Amino acid sequence: MTYTVNLGAVRAAWNAYGGQARGALDIAMAIPVKAGDAQGLGDLAPFLQTASARMDAMAQISATVIDEFGENIAACLAGYEADDEASEVRFNELT
């Protein structure tokens, strides 16, 4: 399933991270979007498109549409654990 988000909020979060790659990865992995929605985001678009493809492949994930950042983004970021050594990301079901 694909979710849509407020792209202005995505851009604001990207700017808040100072454009750091790790911040972009956190945002992208937490927020699945339709590929078409990523248009116009410039440097952030590839991250979002990759996240969308990954999330679409994981149909068991439960998430909500995120219209703004705050508790929702914190819940999403807490919902996965990154295993840097294995370069894998495991998602826990968000409730």
PDB file of N, CA and C in Angstrom:
ATOM      1  N   MET A   1       0.840  -1.182   0.000  1.00  0.00           N
ATOM      2  CA  MET A   1       0.000   0.000   0.000  1.00  0.00           C
ATOM      3  C   MET A   1       0.883   1.242   0.000  1.00  0.00           C
ATOM      4  N   THR A   2       0.463   2.261  -0.694  1.00  0.00           N
ATOM      5  CA  THR A   2       1.234   3.499  -0.758  1.00  0.00           C
ATOM      6  C   THR A   2       0.477   4.612  -0.053  1.00  0.00           C
ATOM      7  N   TYR A   3       1.202   5.423   0.666  1.00  0.00           N
ATOM      8  CA  TYR A   3       0.607   6.532   1.381  1.00  0.00           C
ATOM      9  C   TYR A   3       1.090   7.846   0.787  1.00  0.00           C
ATOM     10  N   THR A   4       0.307   8.889   0.981  1.00  0.00           N
ATOM     11  CA  THR A   4       0.735  10.207   0.519  1.00  0.00           C
ATOM     12  C   THR A   4       1.042  11.070   1.742  1.00  0.00           C
ATOM     13  N   VAL A   5       1.882  12.053   1.558  1.00  0.00           N
ATOM     14  CA  VAL A   5       2.277  12.917   2.665  1.00  0.00           C
ATOM     15  C   VAL A   5       2.262  14.375   2.218  1.00  0.00           C
ATOM     16  N   ASN A   6       2.323  15.253   3.186  1.00  0.00           N
ATOM     17  CA  ASN A   6       2.460  16.678   2.928  1.00  0.00           C
ATOM     18  C   ASN A   6       3.918  16.928   2.534  1.00  0.00           C
ATOM     19  N   LEU A   7       4.142  17.202   1.249  1.00  0.00           N
ATOM     20  CA  LEU A   7       5.523  17.322   0.775  1.00  0.00           C
ATOM     21  C   LEU A   7       6.219  18.558   1.335  1.00  0.00           C
ATOM     22  N   GLY A   8       5.453  19.581   1.695  1.00  0.00           N
ATOM     23  CA  GLY A   8       6.059  20.748   2.338  1.00  0.00           C
ATOM     24  C   GLY A   8       6.686  20.364   3.670  1.00  0.00           C
ATOM     25  N   ALA A   9       6.015  19.463   4.391  1.00  0.00           N
ATOM     26  CA  ALA A   9       6.546  19.000   5.668  1.00  0.00           C
ATOM     27  C   ALA A   9       7.792  18.156   5.458  1.00  0.00           C
ATOM     28  N   VAL A  10       7.795  17.368   4.371  1.00  0.00           N
ATOM     29  CA  VAL A  10       8.987  16.575   4.049  1.00  0.00           C
ATOM     30  C   VAL A  10      10.161  17.489   3.763  1.00  0.00           C
ATOM     31  N   ARG A  11       9.929  18.512   2.970  1.00  0.00           N
ATOM     32  CA  ARG A  11      11.002  19.451   2.635  1.00  0.00           C
ATOM     33  C   ARG A  11      11.493  20.181   3.890  1.00  0.00           C
ATOM     34  N   ALA A  12      10.573  20.554   4.768  1.00  0.00           N
ATOM     35  CA  ALA A  12      10.966  21.241   5.997  1.00  0.00           C
ATOM     36  C   ALA A  12      11.833  20.337   6.870  1.00  0.00           C
ATOM     37  N   ALA A  13      11.466  19.069   6.922  1.00  0.00           N
ATOM     38  CA  ALA A  13      12.260  18.133   7.720  1.00  0.00           C
ATOM     39  C   ALA A  13      13.639  17.931   7.108  1.00  0.00           C
ATOM     40  N   TRP A  14      13.672  17.830   5.776  1.00  0.00           N
ATOM     41  CA  TRP A  14      14.956  17.697   5.070  1.00  0.00           C
ATOM     42  C   TRP A  14      15.851  18.885   5.397  1.00  0.00           C
ATOM     43  N   ASN A  15      15.287  20.097   5.355  1.00  0.00           N
ATOM     44  CA  ASN A  15      16.063  21.301   5.656  1.00  0.00           C
ATOM     45  C   ASN A  15      16.511  21.311   7.108  1.00  0.00           C
ATOM     46  N   ALA A  16      15.664  20.822   8.002  1.00  0.00           N
ATOM     47  CA  ALA A  16      16.012  20.794   9.419  1.00  0.00           C
ATOM     48  C   ALA A  16      17.194  19.865   9.682  1.00  0.00           C
ATOM     49  N   TYR A  17      17.307  18.818   8.866  1.00  0.00           N
ATOM     50  CA  TYR A  17      18.437  17.908   9.005  1.00  0.00           C
ATOM     51  C   TYR A  17      19.685  18.484   8.347  1.00  0.00           C
ATOM     52  N   GLY A  18      19.584  19.622   7.710  1.00  0.00           N
ATOM     53  CA  GLY A  18      20.733  20.214   7.053  1.00  0.00           C
ATOM     54  C   GLY A  18      21.147  19.446   5.809  1.00  0.00           C
ATOM     55  N   GLY A  19      20.232  18.655   5.257  1.00  0.00           N
ATOM     56  CA  GLY A  19      20.546  17.910   4.048  1.00  0.00           C
ATOM     57  C   GLY A  19      21.498  16.750   4.275  1.00  0.00           C
ATOM     58  N   GLN A  20      21.645  16.317   5.512  1.00  0.00           N
ATOM     59  CA  GLN A  20      22.557  15.213   5.805  1.00  0.00           C
ATOM     60  C   GLN A  20      21.975  13.904   5.272  1.00  0.00           C
ATOM     61  N   ALA A  21      22.832  13.064   4.751  1.00  0.00           N
ATOM     62  CA  ALA A  21      22.383  11.813   4.141  1.00  0.00           C
ATOM     63  C   ALA A  21      21.629  10.938   5.133  1.00  0.00           C
ATOM     64  N   ARG A  22      22.111  10.836   6.347  1.00  0.00           N
ATOM     65  CA  ARG A  22      21.446   9.976   7.333  1.00  0.00           C
ATOM     66  C   ARG A  22      20.043  10.504   7.633  1.00  0.00           C
ATOM     67  N   GLY A  23      19.908  11.817   7.756  1.00  0.00           N
ATOM     68  CA  GLY A  23      18.598  12.402   7.987  1.00  0.00           C
ATOM     69  C   GLY A  23      17.656  12.110   6.843  1.00  0.00           C
ATOM     70  N   ALA A  24      18.158  12.213   5.629  1.00  0.00           N
ATOM     71  CA  ALA A  24      17.336  11.936   4.454  1.00  0.00           C
ATOM     72  C   ALA A  24      16.897  10.482   4.438  1.00  0.00           C
ATOM     73  N   LEU A  25      17.796   9.588   4.836  1.00  0.00           N
ATOM     74  CA  LEU A  25      17.456   8.166   4.870  1.00  0.00           C
ATOM     75  C   LEU A  25      16.379   7.903   5.914  1.00  0.00           C
ATOM     76  N   ASP A  26      16.520   8.510   7.085  1.00  0.00           N
ATOM     77  CA  ASP A  26      15.507   8.345   8.136  1.00  0.00           C
ATOM     78  C   ASP A  26      14.141   8.796   7.647  1.00  0.00           C
ATOM     79  N   ILE A  27      14.107   9.954   7.003  1.00  0.00           N
ATOM     80  CA  ILE A  27      12.845  10.476   6.496  1.00  0.00           C
ATOM     81  C   ILE A  27      12.278   9.556   5.432  1.00  0.00           C
ATOM     82  N   ALA A  28      13.124   9.155   4.507  1.00  0.00           N
ATOM     83  CA  ALA A  28      12.655   8.334   3.395  1.00  0.00           C
ATOM     84  C   ALA A  28      12.141   6.982   3.860  1.00  0.00           C
ATOM     85  N   MET A  29      12.826   6.372   4.801  1.00  0.00           N
ATOM     86  CA  MET A  29      12.406   5.059   5.259  1.00  0.00           C
ATOM     87  C   MET A  29      11.133   5.140   6.090  1.00  0.00           C
ATOM     88  N   ALA A  30      10.883   6.295   6.672  1.00  0.00           N
ATOM     89  CA  ALA A  30       9.707   6.440   7.522  1.00  0.00           C
ATOM     90  C   ALA A  30       8.464   6.834   6.740  1.00  0.00           C
ATOM     91  N   ILE A  31       8.652   7.441   5.588  1.00  0.00           N
ATOM     92  CA  ILE A  31       7.514   8.006   4.872  1.00  0.00           C
ATOM     93  C   ILE A  31       7.420   7.453   3.458  1.00  0.00           C
ATOM     94  N   PRO A  32       6.558   6.467   3.232  1.00  0.00           N
ATOM     95  CA  PRO A  32       6.355   5.985   1.870  1.00  0.00           C
ATOM     96  C   PRO A  32       5.497   6.962   1.085  1.00  0.00           C
ATOM     97  N   VAL A  33       5.836   7.179  -0.167  1.00  0.00           N
ATOM     98  CA  VAL A  33       5.064   8.090  -1.005  1.00  0.00           C
ATOM     99  C   VAL A  33       4.897   7.493  -2.393  1.00  0.00           C
ATOM    100  N   LYS A  34       3.920   7.989  -3.103  1.00  0.00           N
ATOM    101  CA  LYS A  34       3.778   7.611  -4.503  1.00  0.00           C
ATOM    102  C   LYS A  34       4.929   8.239  -5.272  1.00  0.00           C
ATOM    103  N   ALA A  35       5.469   7.511  -6.247  1.00  0.00           N
ATOM    104  CA  ALA A  35       6.607   8.028  -7.005  1.00  0.00           C
ATOM    105  C   ALA A  35       6.283   9.384  -7.614  1.00  0.00           C
ATOM    106  N   GLY A  36       5.070   9.558  -8.128  1.00  0.00           N
ATOM    107  CA  GLY A  36       4.691  10.824  -8.746  1.00  0.00           C
ATOM    108  C   GLY A  36       4.700  11.985  -7.775  1.00  0.00           C
ATOM    109  N   ASP A  37       4.450  11.696  -6.487  1.00  0.00           N
ATOM    110  CA  ASP A  37       4.427  12.755  -5.482  1.00  0.00           C
ATOM    111  C   ASP A  37       5.809  13.315  -5.209  1.00  0.00           C
ATOM    112  N   ALA A  38       6.845  12.580  -5.592  1.00  0.00           N
ATOM    113  CA  ALA A  38       8.212  13.019  -5.311  1.00  0.00           C
ATOM    114  C   ALA A  38       8.705  14.044  -6.330  1.00  0.00           C
ATOM    115  N   GLN A  39       7.939  14.260  -7.378  1.00  0.00           N
ATOM    116  CA  GLN A  39       8.360  15.228  -8.404  1.00  0.00           C
ATOM    117  C   GLN A  39       8.494  16.610  -7.781  1.00  0.00           C
ATOM    118  N   GLY A  40       9.515  17.330  -8.186  1.00  0.00           N
ATOM    119  CA  GLY A  40       9.710  18.689  -7.707  1.00  0.00           C
ATOM    120  C   GLY A  40      10.473  18.782  -6.405  1.00  0.00           C
ATOM    121  N   LEU A  41      10.872  17.650  -5.841  1.00  0.00           N
ATOM    122  CA  LEU A  41      11.612  17.689  -4.592  1.00  0.00           C
ATOM    123  C   LEU A  41      13.119  17.706  -4.800  1.00  0.00           C
ATOM    124  N   GLY A  42      13.544  17.635  -6.042  1.00  0.00           N
ATOM    125  CA  GLY A  42      14.975  17.741  -6.326  1.00  0.00           C
ATOM    126  C   GLY A  42      15.783  16.648  -5.671  1.00  0.00           C
ATOM    127  N   ASP A  43      16.741  17.048  -4.828  1.00  0.00           N
ATOM    128  CA  ASP A  43      17.678  16.096  -4.232  1.00  0.00           C
ATOM    129  C   ASP A  43      17.018  15.085  -3.309  1.00  0.00           C
ATOM    130  N   LEU A  44      15.826  15.365  -2.836  1.00  0.00           N
ATOM    131  CA  LEU A  44      15.143  14.446  -1.928  1.00  0.00           C
ATOM    132  C   LEU A  44      14.341  13.381  -2.672  1.00  0.00           C
ATOM    133  N   ALA A  45      13.994  13.638  -3.917  1.00  0.00           N
ATOM    134  CA  ALA A  45      13.124  12.728  -4.672  1.00  0.00           C
ATOM    135  C   ALA A  45      13.631  11.285  -4.730  1.00  0.00           C
ATOM    136  N   PRO A  46      14.919  11.035  -5.009  1.00  0.00           N
ATOM    137  CA  PRO A  46      15.375   9.640  -5.087  1.00  0.00           C
ATOM    138  C   PRO A  46      15.179   8.874  -3.781  1.00  0.00           C
ATOM    139  N   PHE A  47      15.387   9.551  -2.651  1.00  0.00           N
ATOM    140  CA  PHE A  47      15.197   8.901  -1.365  1.00  0.00           C
ATOM    141  C   PHE A  47      13.740   8.477  -1.202  1.00  0.00           C
ATOM    142  N   LEU A  48      12.830   9.377  -1.555  1.00  0.00           N
ATOM    143  CA  LEU A  48      11.410   9.085  -1.384  1.00  0.00           C
ATOM    144  C   LEU A  48      10.945   7.998  -2.332  1.00  0.00           C
ATOM    145  N   GLN A  49      11.430   8.009  -3.540  1.00  0.00           N
ATOM    146  CA  GLN A  49      11.025   6.986  -4.505  1.00  0.00           C
ATOM    147  C   GLN A  49      11.533   5.615  -4.071  1.00  0.00           C
ATOM    148  N   THR A  50      12.750   5.558  -3.538  1.00  0.00           N
ATOM    149  CA  THR A  50      13.289   4.294  -3.039  1.00  0.00           C
ATOM    150  C   THR A  50      12.465   3.804  -1.862  1.00  0.00           C
ATOM    151  N   ALA A  51      12.123   4.719  -0.977  1.00  0.00           N
ATOM    152  CA  ALA A  51      11.323   4.339   0.182  1.00  0.00           C
ATOM    153  C   ALA A  51       9.964   3.816  -0.251  1.00  0.00           C
ATOM    154  N   SER A  52       9.368   4.448  -1.234  1.00  0.00           N
ATOM    155  CA  SER A  52       8.060   4.008  -1.715  1.00  0.00           C
ATOM    156  C   SER A  52       8.130   2.587  -2.242  1.00  0.00           C
ATOM    157  N   ALA A  53       9.151   2.286  -3.019  1.00  0.00           N
ATOM    158  CA  ALA A  53       9.294   0.943  -3.581  1.00  0.00           C
ATOM    159  C   ALA A  53       9.488  -0.086  -2.472  1.00  0.00           C
ATOM    160  N   ARG A  54      10.293   0.254  -1.481  1.00  0.00           N
ATOM    161  CA  ARG A  54      10.532  -0.665  -0.375  1.00  0.00           C
ATOM    162  C   ARG A  54       9.252  -0.898   0.420  1.00  0.00           C
ATOM    163  N   MET A  55       8.547   0.178   0.702  1.00  0.00           N
ATOM    164  CA  MET A  55       7.358   0.054   1.517  1.00  0.00           C
ATOM    165  C   MET A  55       6.258  -0.693   0.777  1.00  0.00           C
ATOM    166  N   ASP A  56       6.150  -0.467  -0.510  1.00  0.00           N
ATOM    167  CA  ASP A  56       5.146  -1.177  -1.295  1.00  0.00           C
ATOM    168  C   ASP A  56       5.396  -2.681  -1.261  1.00  0.00           C
ATOM    169  N   ALA A  57       6.650  -3.074  -1.138  1.00  0.00           N
ATOM    170  CA  ALA A  57       6.997  -4.491  -1.130  1.00  0.00           C
ATOM    171  C   ALA A  57       6.718  -5.131   0.224  1.00  0.00           C
ATOM    172  N   MET A  58       6.437  -4.324   1.218  1.00  0.00           N
ATOM    173  CA  MET A  58       6.189  -4.837   2.566  1.00  0.00           C
ATOM    174  C   MET A  58       4.735  -4.578   2.953  1.00  0.00           C
ATOM    175  N   ALA A  59       3.848  -5.366   2.392  1.00  0.00           N
ATOM    176  CA  ALA A  59       2.416  -5.126   2.540  1.00  0.00           C
ATOM    177  C   ALA A  59       1.922  -5.297   3.970  1.00  0.00           C
ATOM    178  N   GLN A  60       2.701  -5.927   4.833  1.00  0.00           N
ATOM    179  CA  GLN A  60       2.252  -6.177   6.193  1.00  0.00           C
ATOM    180  C   GLN A  60       2.402  -4.961   7.109  1.00  0.00           C
ATOM    181  N   ILE A  61       3.081  -3.934   6.623  1.00  0.00           N
ATOM    182  CA  ILE A  61       3.329  -2.768   7.472  1.00  0.00           C
ATOM    183  C   ILE A  61       2.056  -1.969   7.670  1.00  0.00           C
ATOM    184  N   SER A  62       1.796  -1.609   8.883  1.00  0.00           N
ATOM    185  CA  SER A  62       0.645  -0.782   9.215  1.00  0.00           C
ATOM    186  C   SER A  62       1.164   0.626   9.502  1.00  0.00           C
ATOM    187  N   ALA A  63       0.608   1.621   8.834  1.00  0.00           N
ATOM    188  CA  ALA A  63       1.044   3.002   9.044  1.00  0.00           C
ATOM    189  C   ALA A  63      -0.121   3.936   8.813  1.00  0.00           C
ATOM    190  N   THR A  64       0.059   5.171   9.169  1.00  0.00           N
ATOM    191  CA  THR A  64      -0.978   6.172   8.952  1.00  0.00           C
ATOM    192  C   THR A  64      -0.460   7.220   7.985  1.00  0.00           C
ATOM    193  N   VAL A  65      -1.379   7.930   7.365  1.00  0.00           N
ATOM    194  CA  VAL A  65      -0.997   9.027   6.488  1.00  0.00           C
ATOM    195  C   VAL A  65      -0.446  10.146   7.364  1.00  0.00           C
ATOM    196  N   ILE A  66       0.712  10.648   6.994  1.00  0.00           N
ATOM    197  CA  ILE A  66       1.359  11.687   7.791  1.00  0.00           C
ATOM    198  C   ILE A  66       1.164  13.031   7.099  1.00  0.00           C
ATOM    199  N   ASP A  67       0.427  13.915   7.749  1.00  0.00           N
ATOM    200  CA  ASP A  67       0.190  15.234   7.184  1.00  0.00           C
ATOM    201  C   ASP A  67       1.166  16.258   7.731  1.00  0.00           C
ATOM    202  N   GLU A  68       1.741  15.989   8.866  1.00  0.00           N
ATOM    203  CA  GLU A  68       2.722  16.903   9.435  1.00  0.00           C
ATOM    204  C   GLU A  68       3.662  16.116  10.324  1.00  0.00           C
ATOM    205  N   PHE A  69       4.786  16.723  10.659  1.00  0.00           N
ATOM    206  CA  PHE A  69       5.768  16.039  11.475  1.00  0.00           C
ATOM    207  C   PHE A  69       5.496  16.290  12.951  1.00  0.00           C
ATOM    208  N   GLY A  70       5.990  15.453  13.788  1.00  0.00           N
ATOM    209  CA  GLY A  70       5.742  15.533  15.219  1.00  0.00           C
ATOM    210  C   GLY A  70       5.702  14.134  15.773  1.00  0.00           C
ATOM    211  N   GLU A  71       4.657  13.814  16.515  1.00  0.00           N
ATOM    212  CA  GLU A  71       4.560  12.484  17.099  1.00  0.00           C
ATOM    213  C   GLU A  71       4.469  11.407  16.030  1.00  0.00           C
ATOM    214  N   ASN A  72       3.831  11.715  14.905  1.00  0.00           N
ATOM    215  CA  ASN A  72       3.693  10.721  13.840  1.00  0.00           C
ATOM    216  C   ASN A  72       5.053  10.301  13.290  1.00  0.00           C
ATOM    217  N   ILE A  73       5.918  11.281  13.016  1.00  0.00           N
ATOM    218  CA  ILE A  73       7.225  10.931  12.464  1.00  0.00           C
ATOM    219  C   ILE A  73       8.056  10.199  13.511  1.00  0.00           C
ATOM    220  N   ALA A  74       7.936  10.596  14.775  1.00  0.00           N
ATOM    221  CA  ALA A  74       8.671   9.915  15.836  1.00  0.00           C
ATOM    222  C   ALA A  74       8.227   8.459  15.929  1.00  0.00           C
ATOM    223  N   ALA A  75       6.927   8.220  15.805  1.00  0.00           N
ATOM    224  CA  ALA A  75       6.412   6.852  15.869  1.00  0.00           C
ATOM    225  C   ALA A  75       6.923   6.033  14.697  1.00  0.00           C
ATOM    226  N   CYS A  76       6.970   6.632  13.522  1.00  0.00           N
ATOM    227  CA  CYS A  76       7.456   5.915  12.343  1.00  0.00           C
ATOM    228  C   CYS A  76       8.941   5.588  12.476  1.00  0.00           C
ATOM    229  N   LEU A  77       9.720   6.567  12.917  1.00  0.00           N
ATOM    230  CA  LEU A  77      11.153   6.338  13.044  1.00  0.00           C
ATOM    231  C   LEU A  77      11.440   5.290  14.114  1.00  0.00           C
ATOM    232  N   ALA A  78      10.589   5.223  15.150  1.00  0.00           N
ATOM    233  CA  ALA A  78      10.773   4.226  16.197  1.00  0.00           C
ATOM    234  C   ALA A  78      10.337   2.846  15.711  1.00  0.00           C
ATOM    235  N   GLY A  79       9.642   2.798  14.592  1.00  0.00           N
ATOM    236  CA  GLY A  79       9.084   1.552  14.106  1.00  0.00           C
ATOM    237  C   GLY A  79      10.051   0.676  13.343  1.00  0.00           C
ATOM    238  N   TYR A  80      11.263   1.130  13.100  1.00  0.00           N
ATOM    239  CA  TYR A  80      12.226   0.264  12.417  1.00  0.00           C
ATOM    240  C   TYR A  80      13.580   0.334  13.099  1.00  0.00           C
ATOM    241  N   GLU A  81      14.317  -0.714  12.964  1.00  0.00           N
ATOM    242  CA  GLU A  81      15.664  -0.779  13.516  1.00  0.00           C
ATOM    243  C   GLU A  81      16.627  -1.027  12.362  1.00  0.00           C
ATOM    244  N   ALA A  82      17.675  -0.242  12.310  1.00  0.00           N
ATOM    245  CA  ALA A  82      18.666  -0.417  11.242  1.00  0.00           C
ATOM    246  C   ALA A  82      19.816  -1.282  11.751  1.00  0.00           C
ATOM    247  N   ASP A  83      20.183  -2.273  10.983  1.00  0.00           N
ATOM    248  CA  ASP A  83      21.337  -3.105  11.292  1.00  0.00           C
ATOM    249  C   ASP A  83      22.419  -2.697  10.305  1.00  0.00           C
ATOM    250  N   ASP A  84      23.246  -1.717  10.696  1.00  0.00           N
ATOM    251  CA  ASP A  84      24.235  -1.154   9.786  1.00  0.00           C
ATOM    252  C   ASP A  84      25.227  -2.190   9.292  1.00  0.00           C
ATOM    253  N   GLU A  85      25.577  -3.132  10.160  1.00  0.00           N
ATOM    254  CA  GLU A  85      26.561  -4.131   9.769  1.00  0.00           C
ATOM    255  C   GLU A  85      26.062  -4.955   8.593  1.00  0.00           C
ATOM    256  N   ALA A  86      24.799  -5.321   8.639  1.00  0.00           N
ATOM    257  CA  ALA A  86      24.226  -6.162   7.582  1.00  0.00           C
ATOM    258  C   ALA A  86      23.585  -5.326   6.482  1.00  0.00           C
ATOM    259  N   SER A  87      23.576  -4.012   6.667  1.00  0.00           N
ATOM    260  CA  SER A  87      22.958  -3.104   5.704  1.00  0.00           C
ATOM    261  C   SER A  87      21.517  -3.495   5.402  1.00  0.00           C
ATOM    262  N   GLU A  88      20.807  -3.858   6.448  1.00  0.00           N
ATOM    263  CA  GLU A  88      19.411  -4.231   6.303  1.00  0.00           C
ATOM    264  C   GLU A  88      18.569  -3.354   7.203  1.00  0.00           C
ATOM    265  N   VAL A  89      17.335  -3.173   6.806  1.00  0.00           N
ATOM    266  CA  VAL A  89      16.401  -2.436   7.646  1.00  0.00           C
ATOM    267  C   VAL A  89      15.206  -3.333   7.910  1.00  0.00           C
ATOM    268  N   ARG A  90      14.950  -3.540   9.184  1.00  0.00           N
ATOM    269  CA  ARG A  90      13.799  -4.358   9.565  1.00  0.00           C
ATOM    270  C   ARG A  90      12.706  -3.432  10.067  1.00  0.00           C
ATOM    271  N   PHE A  91      11.512  -3.630   9.598  1.00  0.00           N
ATOM    272  CA  PHE A  91      10.394  -2.805  10.022  1.00  0.00           C
ATOM    273  C   PHE A  91       9.533  -3.568  11.021  1.00  0.00           C
ATOM    274  N   ASN A  92       9.194  -2.892  12.091  1.00  0.00           N
ATOM    275  CA  ASN A  92       8.246  -3.452  13.049  1.00  0.00           C
ATOM    276  C   ASN A  92       6.881  -2.877  12.704  1.00  0.00           C
ATOM    277  N   GLU A  93       5.870  -3.666  12.915  1.00  0.00           N
ATOM    278  CA  GLU A  93       4.523  -3.179  12.612  1.00  0.00           C
ATOM    279  C   GLU A  93       4.172  -2.059  13.578  1.00  0.00           C
ATOM    280  N   LEU A  94       3.726  -0.935  13.023  1.00  0.00           N
ATOM    281  CA  LEU A  94       3.317   0.208  13.837  1.00  0.00           C
ATOM    282  C   LEU A  94       1.859   0.030  14.224  1.00  0.00           C
ATOM    283  N   THR A  95       1.585   0.249  15.486  1.00  0.00           N
ATOM    284  CA  THR A  95       0.191   0.113  15.935  1.00  0.00           C
ATOM    285  C   THR A  95      -0.322   1.436  16.435  1.00  0.00           C
TER     286      THR A  95
END
